[in-house]
Amino acid sequence: MEEDLLGFSEEEQGIKLIVDEEYNGIRIDKYLSQVQKELSRSYIQKLIEESRVLMEDKPVKSNLKVKTGAKVICYMPKEKEAEIIPEDLPIDIIYEDDDIILINKPKGLVVHPGAGHETGTLANALLYHCKGKLSGINGNMRPGIVHRIDRDTTGILVACKNDKAHAFIAEQLKAHTINRRYQAIVYQPFKEECGRVEAPIGRHPKERKKMAVNYKNGKYAATNYKVLENLSNRYAYIECSLETGRTHQIRVHMASIHHPLLGDTVYGPVKDPFHLQGQALHAGLLGFIHPTTKEYMEFTVPLPDYFTKLLVKLRHKG
């Protein structure tokens, strides 16, 4: 049996173990590798060498044999939270004041650091531009970030410079009162002028990197759409209005009704006929109540060049 004991010190965390009878008489390093499978044998050896493993409150050596009922404690260095580095990167600022900053994000720009994208993100750029004055509610790696849009989605995103503004904007997101409209090009023309997709979204049951309509484990999600233009007999130009903000919501919802986004090789056809850099999706409008003035503000940004050129090409094909 085991019990996680946190907070032995500000820098360390301890795991307390009581030796079960089945492990009586085996070396302590082997015992730990069997009961703490997430710890490698080499890491356990390192802990022992640094006197971080105790049995009956005394430091041990690797060849010590454990006894039934003995108390074993492992003190492990607490992982330090990574720090994000300010970077002087170009950003398209739409609006800025003492509380908020709105950015027109280009295609290919990741919003905050993550696996494979430790630098060169919007968060790195914001830290540099705002001289570190950003909200810390979402932790060191997401300074100022209240919401995000996918790497290959373009358009408006708001960040906050202090915790008060962050909490105020986040509450509007939670209450679904923020006005968010996206433009997209999807496969297949529509017969109806508008529609609504209301289906829970959660992790794909088999492909963990994907989201899916998941009625068992998903969260409520709703997307309203209207057809701006049917493009020949193969595509449609639409506008989507979000009631909720689940990961990949528009991409998953539109794919679920057989209208996946053009360029989206994750939720749509694997082959993209136009060789786009990801889905044709643009966050064109964002409206919310300002955290200090309490007045409604609404911002729009035009479609990016690749999107307008694609529309011209598709209309010409029709």
Protein backbone atom coordinates (compact mmCIF):
# COMPACT_ATOMS: atom_id res chain seq x y z
CA MET A 1 0.00 0.00 0.00
CA GLU A 2 1.12 3.55 -0.48
CA GLU A 3 0.26 7.08 0.51
CA ASP A 4 1.37 10.23 -1.27
CA LEU A 5 2.79 12.71 1.21
CA LEU A 6 3.30 16.13 -0.29
CA GLY A 7 5.00 19.15 1.23
CA PHE A 8 7.85 17.68 3.30
CA SER A 9 9.72 20.78 2.22
CA GLU A 10 9.23 23.51 -0.33
CA GLU A 11 11.60 21.75 -2.74
CA GLU A 12 10.80 18.06 -2.17
CA GLN A 13 7.91 15.67 -2.16
CA GLY A 14 7.85 12.34 -0.34
CA ILE A 15 6.22 9.01 -1.03
CA LYS A 16 5.60 6.83 2.01
CA LEU A 17 5.45 3.06 1.58
CA ILE A 18 4.73 0.21 3.98
CA VAL A 19 6.37 -3.03 2.83
CA ASP A 20 3.86 -5.80 2.10
CA GLU A 21 4.70 -9.40 3.01
CA GLU A 22 5.23 -10.48 -0.61
CA TYR A 23 8.29 -8.21 -0.88
CA ASN A 24 9.97 -9.35 2.34
CA GLY A 25 13.68 -9.98 1.94
CA ILE A 26 14.33 -8.37 -1.48
CA ARG A 27 16.78 -5.54 -2.14
CA ILE A 28 15.33 -2.10 -1.58
CA ASP A 29 16.21 -0.86 -5.07
CA LYS A 30 14.39 -3.84 -6.63
CA TYR A 31 11.47 -3.33 -4.25
CA LEU A 32 11.08 0.31 -5.23
CA SER A 33 11.27 -0.48 -8.94
CA GLN A 34 8.42 -2.96 -8.53
CA VAL A 35 6.07 -0.85 -6.42
CA GLN A 36 6.86 2.49 -8.12
CA LYS A 37 6.87 1.47 -11.77
CA GLU A 38 6.98 5.07 -12.97
CA LEU A 39 10.50 5.38 -11.46
CA SER A 40 13.39 3.94 -13.47
CA ARG A 41 15.98 1.73 -11.76
CA SER A 42 18.72 4.29 -12.49
CA TYR A 43 16.61 7.08 -10.96
CA ILE A 44 16.05 4.97 -7.84
CA GLN A 45 19.79 4.35 -7.56
CA LYS A 46 20.39 8.09 -7.79
CA LEU A 47 17.88 8.76 -5.00
CA ILE A 48 19.59 6.18 -2.81
CA GLU A 49 23.05 7.64 -3.49
CA GLU A 50 21.76 11.08 -2.48
CA SER A 51 20.34 9.66 0.79
CA ARG A 52 16.81 10.40 -0.37
CA VAL A 53 15.55 6.89 0.44
CA LEU A 54 14.94 6.03 4.09
CA MET A 55 13.80 2.84 5.83
CA GLU A 56 12.65 3.30 9.40
CA ASP A 57 13.87 6.90 9.12
CA LYS A 58 17.46 5.94 8.25
CA PRO A 59 19.22 6.38 4.87
CA VAL A 60 19.75 3.08 3.05
CA LYS A 61 22.17 1.45 0.64
CA SER A 62 21.06 -0.33 -2.53
CA ASN A 63 21.74 -3.80 -1.18
CA LEU A 64 19.64 -3.35 1.97
CA LYS A 65 16.84 -5.91 2.14
CA VAL A 66 13.36 -4.74 3.08
CA LYS A 67 11.27 -6.30 5.83
CA THR A 68 7.53 -6.80 6.06
CA GLY A 69 5.84 -3.82 7.72
CA ALA A 70 8.87 -1.57 7.40
CA LYS A 71 8.28 2.09 6.57
CA VAL A 72 10.07 3.30 3.47
CA ILE A 73 10.12 6.94 2.40
CA CYS A 74 11.44 8.32 -0.90
CA TYR A 75 12.20 12.01 -1.03
CA MET A 76 12.17 13.19 -4.65
CA PRO A 77 13.25 16.63 -5.86
CA LYS A 78 10.22 18.65 -6.78
CA GLU A 79 10.14 19.33 -10.47
CA LYS A 80 10.71 22.98 -11.18
CA GLU A 81 8.13 24.58 -13.42
CA ALA A 82 9.70 25.55 -16.69
CA GLU A 83 10.08 29.23 -17.38
CA ILE A 84 9.11 30.89 -20.62
CA ILE A 85 11.63 33.21 -22.26
CA PRO A 86 10.56 36.61 -23.66
CA GLU A 87 11.27 36.81 -27.40
CA ASP A 88 11.25 39.78 -29.73
CA LEU A 89 8.87 38.33 -32.32
CA PRO A 90 6.59 40.30 -34.66
CA ILE A 91 2.94 40.36 -33.59
CA ASP A 92 -0.04 42.09 -35.19
CA ILE A 93 -1.65 44.10 -32.37
CA ILE A 94 -5.27 45.10 -32.97
CA TYR A 95 -5.91 46.85 -29.66
CA GLU A 96 -4.08 47.34 -26.37
CA ASP A 97 -4.67 49.07 -23.02
CA ASP A 98 -3.64 48.53 -19.39
CA ASP A 99 -5.84 45.43 -19.04
CA ILE A 100 -5.97 43.59 -22.36
CA ILE A 101 -4.16 43.10 -25.64
CA LEU A 102 -5.74 41.70 -28.81
CA ILE A 103 -3.68 39.97 -31.46
CA ASN A 104 -4.39 38.96 -35.04
CA LYS A 105 -2.67 35.57 -35.01
CA PRO A 106 -1.16 34.32 -38.28
CA LYS A 107 -1.24 30.76 -39.54
CA GLY A 108 1.44 28.52 -38.06
CA LEU A 109 1.94 30.46 -34.82
CA VAL A 110 1.52 28.36 -31.67
CA VAL A 111 -0.24 30.21 -28.83
CA HIS A 112 1.85 28.95 -25.89
CA PRO A 113 4.80 26.59 -25.33
CA GLY A 114 4.24 22.85 -25.28
CA ALA A 115 5.81 19.64 -26.45
CA GLY A 116 7.85 20.40 -29.56
CA HIS A 117 7.20 24.14 -29.32
CA GLU A 118 9.24 25.45 -26.38
CA THR A 119 10.00 28.79 -28.06
CA GLY A 120 8.71 31.01 -30.84
CA THR A 121 5.14 31.11 -29.53
CA LEU A 122 2.70 33.96 -29.10
CA ALA A 123 3.22 33.77 -25.31
CA ASN A 124 6.97 34.31 -25.79
CA ALA A 125 6.24 37.37 -27.92
CA LEU A 126 3.68 38.76 -25.46
CA LEU A 127 6.11 38.47 -22.56
CA TYR A 128 8.62 40.56 -24.49
CA HIS A 129 6.13 43.15 -25.71
CA CYS A 130 4.34 43.55 -22.38
CA LYS A 131 7.61 43.49 -20.40
CA GLY A 132 6.36 40.61 -18.28
CA LYS A 133 3.17 42.39 -17.23
CA LEU A 134 0.72 39.57 -17.95
CA SER A 135 -1.75 37.64 -15.82
CA GLY A 136 -0.43 34.54 -14.07
CA ILE A 137 -3.68 32.67 -13.49
CA ASN A 138 -2.87 29.95 -16.03
CA GLY A 139 0.71 29.46 -14.81
CA ASN A 140 4.19 30.36 -16.02
CA MET A 141 3.83 28.69 -19.40
CA ARG A 142 0.61 30.49 -20.35
CA PRO A 143 1.18 34.10 -19.26
CA GLY A 144 -1.83 36.23 -20.10
CA ILE A 145 -3.48 33.47 -22.13
CA VAL A 146 -7.22 33.26 -21.45
CA HIS A 147 -8.22 31.23 -24.50
CA ARG A 148 -6.41 29.90 -27.51
CA ILE A 149 -6.92 29.03 -31.14
CA ASP A 150 -5.25 26.21 -33.03
CA ARG A 151 -1.80 26.64 -34.53
CA ASP A 152 -3.13 26.75 -38.11
CA THR A 153 -6.24 28.80 -37.33
CA THR A 154 -5.86 32.54 -37.97
CA GLY A 155 -7.55 35.50 -36.35
CA ILE A 156 -8.38 37.31 -33.12
CA LEU A 157 -7.19 36.28 -29.71
CA VAL A 158 -7.31 38.28 -26.45
CA ALA A 159 -4.69 38.12 -23.68
CA CYS A 160 -4.83 39.79 -20.27
CA LYS A 161 -2.22 41.89 -18.50
CA ASN A 162 -3.40 41.31 -14.94
CA ASP A 163 -5.28 38.69 -12.94
CA LYS A 164 -8.35 40.88 -12.41
CA ALA A 165 -8.88 41.29 -16.16
CA HIS A 166 -8.14 37.60 -16.74
CA ALA A 167 -10.75 36.48 -14.21
CA PHE A 168 -13.34 38.85 -15.71
CA ILE A 169 -12.81 37.64 -19.28
CA ALA A 170 -12.61 34.01 -18.18
CA GLU A 171 -15.98 34.32 -16.44
CA GLN A 172 -17.55 35.52 -19.70
CA LEU A 173 -16.05 32.53 -21.49
CA LYS A 174 -17.46 30.22 -18.82
CA ALA A 175 -20.90 31.85 -19.11
CA HIS A 176 -20.75 31.62 -22.94
CA THR A 177 -21.44 35.36 -23.28
CA ILE A 178 -18.42 36.20 -25.44
CA ASN A 179 -19.28 36.70 -29.10
CA ARG A 180 -16.99 34.59 -31.30
CA ARG A 181 -17.49 34.17 -35.02
CA TYR A 182 -15.31 32.16 -37.36
CA GLN A 183 -15.20 31.86 -41.14
CA ALA A 184 -14.45 28.48 -42.66
CA ILE A 185 -14.40 26.64 -45.96
CA VAL A 186 -15.82 23.15 -45.72
CA TYR A 187 -16.35 20.18 -47.98
CA GLN A 188 -19.79 19.68 -49.56
CA PRO A 189 -22.38 22.42 -50.27
CA PHE A 190 -25.41 22.85 -47.99
CA LYS A 191 -29.09 22.59 -48.81
CA GLU A 192 -30.12 24.59 -45.74
CA GLU A 193 -29.14 28.23 -45.05
CA CYS A 194 -28.17 27.68 -41.43
CA GLY A 195 -27.99 25.05 -38.75
CA ARG A 196 -26.80 24.04 -35.31
CA VAL A 197 -24.62 21.23 -34.04
CA GLU A 198 -25.15 20.30 -30.40
CA ALA A 199 -22.98 17.34 -29.44
CA PRO A 200 -20.56 16.72 -26.54
CA ILE A 201 -16.85 16.79 -27.32
CA GLY A 202 -14.17 14.77 -25.56
CA ARG A 203 -11.04 12.78 -26.25
CA HIS A 204 -11.22 10.29 -29.09
CA PRO A 205 -11.61 6.83 -27.47
CA LYS A 206 -8.77 5.31 -29.50
CA GLU A 207 -6.66 8.20 -30.84
CA ARG A 208 -5.70 10.24 -27.80
CA LYS A 209 -4.33 13.19 -29.75
CA LYS A 210 -7.71 13.72 -31.41
CA MET A 211 -11.02 15.00 -30.12
CA ALA A 212 -14.37 13.51 -31.07
CA VAL A 213 -18.10 13.70 -30.51
CA ASN A 214 -18.13 11.68 -27.30
CA TYR A 215 -21.51 11.08 -25.67
CA LYS A 216 -20.02 9.03 -22.84
CA ASN A 217 -17.15 11.24 -21.63
CA GLY A 218 -17.48 14.48 -23.59
CA LYS A 219 -18.48 17.97 -22.43
CA TYR A 220 -21.47 19.88 -23.76
CA ALA A 221 -20.69 21.79 -26.94
CA ALA A 222 -22.80 23.82 -29.36
CA THR A 223 -21.91 25.43 -32.67
CA ASN A 224 -24.24 27.52 -34.83
CA TYR A 225 -23.44 27.94 -38.50
CA LYS A 226 -24.81 29.83 -41.47
CA VAL A 227 -23.95 29.37 -45.11
CA LEU A 228 -22.36 32.43 -46.66
CA GLU A 229 -21.89 30.85 -50.08
CA ASN A 230 -21.95 27.44 -51.72
CA LEU A 231 -18.83 27.08 -53.85
CA SER A 232 -19.57 24.92 -56.90
CA ASN A 233 -20.75 21.43 -56.08
CA ARG A 234 -17.87 20.52 -53.77
CA TYR A 235 -17.36 23.20 -51.11
CA ALA A 236 -19.09 25.83 -48.98
CA TYR A 237 -18.04 29.07 -47.30
CA ILE A 238 -19.64 29.32 -43.86
CA GLU A 239 -19.64 31.36 -40.67
CA CYS A 240 -19.68 29.60 -37.29
CA SER A 241 -20.75 31.13 -34.01
CA LEU A 242 -19.53 29.38 -30.87
CA GLU A 243 -21.68 28.94 -27.78
CA THR A 244 -18.96 26.91 -26.09
CA GLY A 245 -15.20 26.71 -26.59
CA ARG A 246 -14.10 23.09 -26.62
CA THR A 247 -10.81 21.98 -28.15
CA HIS A 248 -11.13 21.65 -31.96
CA GLN A 249 -14.87 22.34 -31.59
CA ILE A 250 -15.64 23.67 -35.07
CA ARG A 251 -13.42 21.07 -36.72
CA VAL A 252 -15.04 18.19 -34.84
CA HIS A 253 -18.62 19.43 -35.13
CA MET A 254 -18.47 20.15 -38.84
CA ALA A 255 -16.80 16.80 -39.54
CA SER A 256 -19.56 15.09 -37.53
CA ILE A 257 -22.20 16.37 -39.97
CA HIS A 258 -20.07 15.38 -42.99
CA HIS A 259 -18.74 18.87 -43.73
CA PRO A 260 -15.08 18.69 -42.57
CA LEU A 261 -12.95 21.78 -43.00
CA LEU A 262 -10.89 22.09 -46.15
CA GLY A 263 -7.24 21.46 -45.33
CA ASP A 264 -8.04 19.60 -42.10
CA THR A 265 -6.29 16.27 -42.65
CA VAL A 266 -6.93 15.24 -39.02
CA TYR A 267 -10.74 15.28 -39.13
CA GLY A 268 -11.25 15.36 -42.88
CA PRO A 269 -9.78 13.70 -45.98
CA VAL A 270 -6.12 12.74 -45.57
CA LYS A 271 -5.26 14.29 -48.94
CA ASP A 272 -5.71 18.05 -49.22
CA PRO A 273 -6.28 19.01 -52.89
CA PHE A 274 -4.97 22.57 -52.33
CA HIS A 275 -1.97 21.68 -50.14
CA LEU A 276 -2.94 24.13 -47.42
CA GLN A 277 -1.09 24.53 -44.15
CA GLY A 278 -3.86 23.13 -42.00
CA GLN A 279 -7.57 23.91 -41.88
CA ALA A 280 -9.20 26.87 -43.63
CA LEU A 281 -10.50 28.51 -40.45
CA HIS A 282 -10.37 32.15 -39.37
CA ALA A 283 -11.43 33.76 -36.09
CA GLY A 284 -12.86 36.90 -37.62
CA LEU A 285 -14.83 38.50 -34.78
CA LEU A 286 -14.50 38.73 -31.01
CA GLY A 287 -16.82 40.69 -28.73
CA PHE A 288 -16.86 40.95 -24.92
CA ILE A 289 -17.41 43.25 -21.94
CA HIS A 290 -14.25 45.18 -21.04
CA PRO A 291 -12.99 44.26 -17.53
CA THR A 292 -12.61 47.87 -16.36
CA THR A 293 -14.98 50.05 -18.38
CA LYS A 294 -17.69 47.34 -18.38
CA GLU A 295 -18.58 48.41 -21.91
CA TYR A 296 -19.11 45.98 -24.77
CA MET A 297 -16.23 45.94 -27.25
CA GLU A 298 -16.19 44.18 -30.59
CA PHE A 299 -13.25 43.61 -32.90
CA THR A 300 -12.97 42.20 -36.39
CA VAL A 301 -10.03 41.26 -38.60
CA PRO A 302 -10.12 40.59 -42.36
CA LEU A 303 -9.56 37.20 -43.91
CA PRO A 304 -5.89 36.33 -44.48
CA ASP A 305 -4.58 36.41 -48.04
CA TYR A 306 -4.45 32.64 -48.49
CA PHE A 307 -8.14 32.43 -47.56
CA THR A 308 -9.32 35.15 -49.96
CA LYS A 309 -7.24 33.68 -52.79
CA LEU A 310 -8.72 30.28 -52.09
CA LEU A 311 -12.24 31.70 -52.27
CA VAL A 312 -11.48 33.31 -55.65
CA LYS A 313 -10.10 30.02 -56.94
CA LEU A 314 -13.11 28.03 -55.76
CA ARG A 315 -15.57 30.55 -57.20
CA HIS A 316 -13.76 30.42 -60.51
CA LYS A 317 -14.00 26.64 -60.50
CA GLY A 318 -17.74 26.93 -60.07
